[in-house]
Amino acid sequence: MQLNEISGNVIKNAIKVHSKLGPGLLESTYNHCLKYELIKSNIKVRSEVPRPIIYDEIKLDHGYRIDLLVEERVVIEIKSVEAINEVHFAQILTYMKLGEYKLGLILNFNVKRMKDGIRRVIL
């Protein structure tokens, strides 16, 4: 699958989850439900993927965890916050740099319309 096709499938399923659940729930709820929908759609997805940090000669295992990694190519950061801010962009960019991923999506489910909570991040 191409990156745009993967991200399109993620967005379609995020909208589906949001339309069923609405805003205001915990991030973990949206994470589990989105993962479930992606698996139902025959899309490979892993959750809580550890990203070690290499500093000089030391490796810090499990320094960070990617919320969802789709098709081993697209990083998904799940949020349920009032607004996406610069810290959220920095967080996903860190994951993308550490794993050398080119595309990420920040999905904020705490919005009235899901399309307003989607931010595409390109490295």
C-alpha atoms as a PDB file:
ATOM      1  CA  MET A   1       0.000   0.000   0.000  1.00  0.00           C
ATOM      2  CA  GLN A   2       1.113   3.547  -0.720  1.00  0.00           C
ATOM      3  CA  LEU A   3       1.382   6.063   2.142  1.00  0.00           C
ATOM      4  CA  ASN A   4      -1.647   8.031   0.935  1.00  0.00           C
ATOM      5  CA  GLU A   5      -3.737   4.871   0.763  1.00  0.00           C
ATOM      6  CA  ILE A   6      -2.672   3.879   4.289  1.00  0.00           C
ATOM      7  CA  SER A   7      -3.430   7.325   5.709  1.00  0.00           C
ATOM      8  CA  GLY A   8      -6.769   7.413   3.871  1.00  0.00           C
ATOM      9  CA  ASN A   9      -7.759   4.094   5.445  1.00  0.00           C
ATOM     10  CA  VAL A  10      -6.707   5.301   8.893  1.00  0.00           C
ATOM     11  CA  ILE A  11      -8.702   8.520   8.516  1.00  0.00           C
ATOM     12  CA  LYS A  12     -11.772   6.666   7.233  1.00  0.00           C
ATOM     13  CA  ASN A  13     -11.661   4.335  10.248  1.00  0.00           C
ATOM     14  CA  ALA A  14     -10.968   7.181  12.692  1.00  0.00           C
ATOM     15  CA  ILE A  15     -14.084   8.955  11.416  1.00  0.00           C
ATOM     16  CA  LYS A  16     -16.037   5.734  11.872  1.00  0.00           C
ATOM     17  CA  VAL A  17     -14.842   5.362  15.483  1.00  0.00           C
ATOM     18  CA  HIS A  18     -15.541   9.023  16.241  1.00  0.00           C
ATOM     19  CA  SER A  19     -19.032   8.863  14.754  1.00  0.00           C
ATOM     20  CA  LYS A  20     -19.867   5.886  16.984  1.00  0.00           C
ATOM     21  CA  LEU A  21     -18.240   7.115  20.218  1.00  0.00           C
ATOM     22  CA  GLY A  22     -18.186  10.905  19.946  1.00  0.00           C
ATOM     23  CA  PRO A  23     -15.708  13.143  21.782  1.00  0.00           C
ATOM     24  CA  GLY A  24     -14.738  13.170  25.448  1.00  0.00           C
ATOM     25  CA  LEU A  25     -13.414   9.657  26.110  1.00  0.00           C
ATOM     26  CA  LEU A  26      -9.933   8.538  27.109  1.00  0.00           C
ATOM     27  CA  GLU A  27      -7.225   8.288  24.456  1.00  0.00           C
ATOM     28  CA  SER A  28      -6.814   4.586  25.232  1.00  0.00           C
ATOM     29  CA  THR A  29     -10.458   3.966  24.275  1.00  0.00           C
ATOM     30  CA  TYR A  30     -10.001   5.551  20.852  1.00  0.00           C
ATOM     31  CA  ASN A  31      -6.677   3.734  20.446  1.00  0.00           C
ATOM     32  CA  HIS A  32      -8.217   0.299  21.047  1.00  0.00           C
ATOM     33  CA  CYS A  33     -11.274   0.993  18.900  1.00  0.00           C
ATOM     34  CA  LEU A  34      -9.259   2.370  15.979  1.00  0.00           C
ATOM     35  CA  LYS A  35      -6.896  -0.592  16.146  1.00  0.00           C
ATOM     36  CA  TYR A  36      -9.915  -2.922  16.104  1.00  0.00           C
ATOM     37  CA  GLU A  37     -11.400  -1.195  13.040  1.00  0.00           C
ATOM     38  CA  LEU A  38      -8.070  -1.264  11.186  1.00  0.00           C
ATOM     39  CA  ILE A  39      -7.653  -4.986  11.885  1.00  0.00           C
ATOM     40  CA  LYS A  40     -11.224  -5.585  10.665  1.00  0.00           C
ATOM     41  CA  SER A  41     -10.223  -3.787   7.454  1.00  0.00           C
ATOM     42  CA  ASN A  42      -7.253  -6.167   7.010  1.00  0.00           C
ATOM     43  CA  ILE A  43      -4.743  -3.423   7.751  1.00  0.00           C
ATOM     44  CA  LYS A  44      -1.628  -4.363   9.688  1.00  0.00           C
ATOM     45  CA  VAL A  45      -1.384  -2.365  12.897  1.00  0.00           C
ATOM     46  CA  ARG A  46       0.628  -2.550  16.094  1.00  0.00           C
ATOM     47  CA  SER A  47      -0.022  -0.556  19.253  1.00  0.00           C
ATOM     48  CA  GLU A  48       2.260   0.803  21.958  1.00  0.00           C
ATOM     49  CA  VAL A  49       5.300   0.168  19.755  1.00  0.00           C
ATOM     50  CA  PRO A  50       8.507   0.812  21.721  1.00  0.00           C
ATOM     51  CA  ARG A  51      10.995   3.249  20.214  1.00  0.00           C
ATOM     52  CA  PRO A  52      14.422   3.099  21.843  1.00  0.00           C
ATOM     53  CA  ILE A  53      16.674   6.110  21.951  1.00  0.00           C
ATOM     54  CA  ILE A  54      20.310   5.823  20.965  1.00  0.00           C
ATOM     55  CA  TYR A  55      22.579   8.354  22.635  1.00  0.00           C
ATOM     56  CA  ASP A  56      26.275   8.071  21.806  1.00  0.00           C
ATOM     57  CA  GLU A  57      27.056   4.457  22.729  1.00  0.00           C
ATOM     58  CA  ILE A  58      24.032   3.730  24.904  1.00  0.00           C
ATOM     59  CA  LYS A  59      20.631   2.446  23.927  1.00  0.00           C
ATOM     60  CA  LEU A  60      17.693   3.420  26.121  1.00  0.00           C
ATOM     61  CA  ASP A  61      15.137   0.688  25.490  1.00  0.00           C
ATOM     62  CA  HIS A  62      11.473   1.600  25.509  1.00  0.00           C
ATOM     63  CA  GLY A  63      12.181   5.290  25.843  1.00  0.00           C
ATOM     64  CA  TYR A  64       9.008   6.113  23.950  1.00  0.00           C
ATOM     65  CA  ARG A  65       5.957   4.273  22.639  1.00  0.00           C
ATOM     66  CA  ILE A  66       4.160   4.928  19.368  1.00  0.00           C
ATOM     67  CA  ASP A  67       0.388   4.794  19.875  1.00  0.00           C
ATOM     68  CA  LEU A  68      -0.245   2.962  16.590  1.00  0.00           C
ATOM     69  CA  LEU A  69       2.091   1.957  13.788  1.00  0.00           C
ATOM     70  CA  VAL A  70       0.152   1.139  10.620  1.00  0.00           C
ATOM     71  CA  GLU A  71       1.629  -1.131   7.940  1.00  0.00           C
ATOM     72  CA  GLU A  72       5.037  -0.531   9.593  1.00  0.00           C
ATOM     73  CA  ARG A  73       5.093   2.829   7.787  1.00  0.00           C
ATOM     74  CA  VAL A  74       2.698   5.385   9.269  1.00  0.00           C
ATOM     75  CA  VAL A  75       2.869   6.687  12.846  1.00  0.00           C
ATOM     76  CA  ILE A  76      -0.443   7.468  14.516  1.00  0.00           C
ATOM     77  CA  GLU A  77      -0.602   9.635  17.631  1.00  0.00           C
ATOM     78  CA  ILE A  78      -3.981   9.470  19.364  1.00  0.00           C
ATOM     79  CA  LYS A  79      -5.128  12.499  21.347  1.00  0.00           C
ATOM     80  CA  SER A  80      -8.238  13.522  23.236  1.00  0.00           C
ATOM     81  CA  VAL A  81      -7.362  17.099  24.078  1.00  0.00           C
ATOM     82  CA  GLU A  82      -8.893  20.550  23.749  1.00  0.00           C
ATOM     83  CA  ALA A  83      -6.450  21.470  20.984  1.00  0.00           C
ATOM     84  CA  ILE A  84      -3.418  20.043  19.216  1.00  0.00           C
ATOM     85  CA  ASN A  85      -0.364  22.116  20.100  1.00  0.00           C
ATOM     86  CA  GLU A  86       3.348  22.310  19.297  1.00  0.00           C
ATOM     87  CA  VAL A  87       4.256  19.675  21.905  1.00  0.00           C
ATOM     88  CA  HIS A  88       2.097  17.135  20.090  1.00  0.00           C
ATOM     89  CA  PHE A  89       3.863  17.914  16.806  1.00  0.00           C
ATOM     90  CA  ALA A  90       7.253  17.605  18.514  1.00  0.00           C
ATOM     91  CA  GLN A  91       6.222  14.251  19.989  1.00  0.00           C
ATOM     92  CA  ILE A  92       5.191  12.689  16.689  1.00  0.00           C
ATOM     93  CA  LEU A  93       8.211  14.155  14.882  1.00  0.00           C
ATOM     94  CA  THR A  94      10.468  12.518  17.478  1.00  0.00           C
ATOM     95  CA  TYR A  95       8.837   9.132  16.868  1.00  0.00           C
ATOM     96  CA  MET A  96       9.108   9.598  13.123  1.00  0.00           C
ATOM     97  CA  LYS A  97      12.784  10.563  13.277  1.00  0.00           C
ATOM     98  CA  LEU A  98      13.680   7.706  15.627  1.00  0.00           C
ATOM     99  CA  GLY A  99      11.996   5.157  13.364  1.00  0.00           C
ATOM    100  CA  GLU A 100      12.771   6.878  10.062  1.00  0.00           C
ATOM    101  CA  TYR A 101       9.087   7.041   9.151  1.00  0.00           C
ATOM    102  CA  LYS A 102       8.004   9.561   6.519  1.00  0.00           C
ATOM    103  CA  LEU A 103       4.351  10.047   7.475  1.00  0.00           C
ATOM    104  CA  GLY A 104       2.451  10.527  10.697  1.00  0.00           C
ATOM    105  CA  LEU A 105      -1.074  11.467  11.712  1.00  0.00           C
ATOM    106  CA  ILE A 106      -2.161  13.198  14.877  1.00  0.00           C
ATOM    107  CA  LEU A 107      -5.772  12.243  15.531  1.00  0.00           C
ATOM    108  CA  ASN A 108      -7.545  14.341  18.145  1.00  0.00           C
ATOM    109  CA  PHE A 109     -10.865  12.698  18.989  1.00  0.00           C
ATOM    110  CA  ASN A 110     -11.971  15.484  21.346  1.00  0.00           C
ATOM    111  CA  VAL A 111     -13.601  17.503  18.566  1.00  0.00           C
ATOM    112  CA  LYS A 112     -17.143  17.946  17.306  1.00  0.00           C
ATOM    113  CA  ARG A 113     -16.224  16.782  13.779  1.00  0.00           C
ATOM    114  CA  MET A 114     -13.363  14.329  13.358  1.00  0.00           C
ATOM    115  CA  LYS A 115     -12.094  16.038  10.223  1.00  0.00           C
ATOM    116  CA  ASP A 116     -11.200  19.023  12.431  1.00  0.00           C
ATOM    117  CA  GLY A 117      -8.995  16.807  14.625  1.00  0.00           C
ATOM    118  CA  ILE A 118      -6.748  15.383  11.913  1.00  0.00           C
ATOM    119  CA  ARG A 119      -3.227  16.695  11.355  1.00  0.00           C
ATOM    120  CA  ARG A 120      -0.920  15.159   8.767  1.00  0.00           C
ATOM    121  CA  VAL A 121       2.804  15.308   9.552  1.00  0.00           C
ATOM    122  CA  ILE A 122       5.438  14.701   6.879  1.00  0.00           C
ATOM    123  CA  LEU A 123       9.109  14.199   7.651  1.00  0.00           C
END
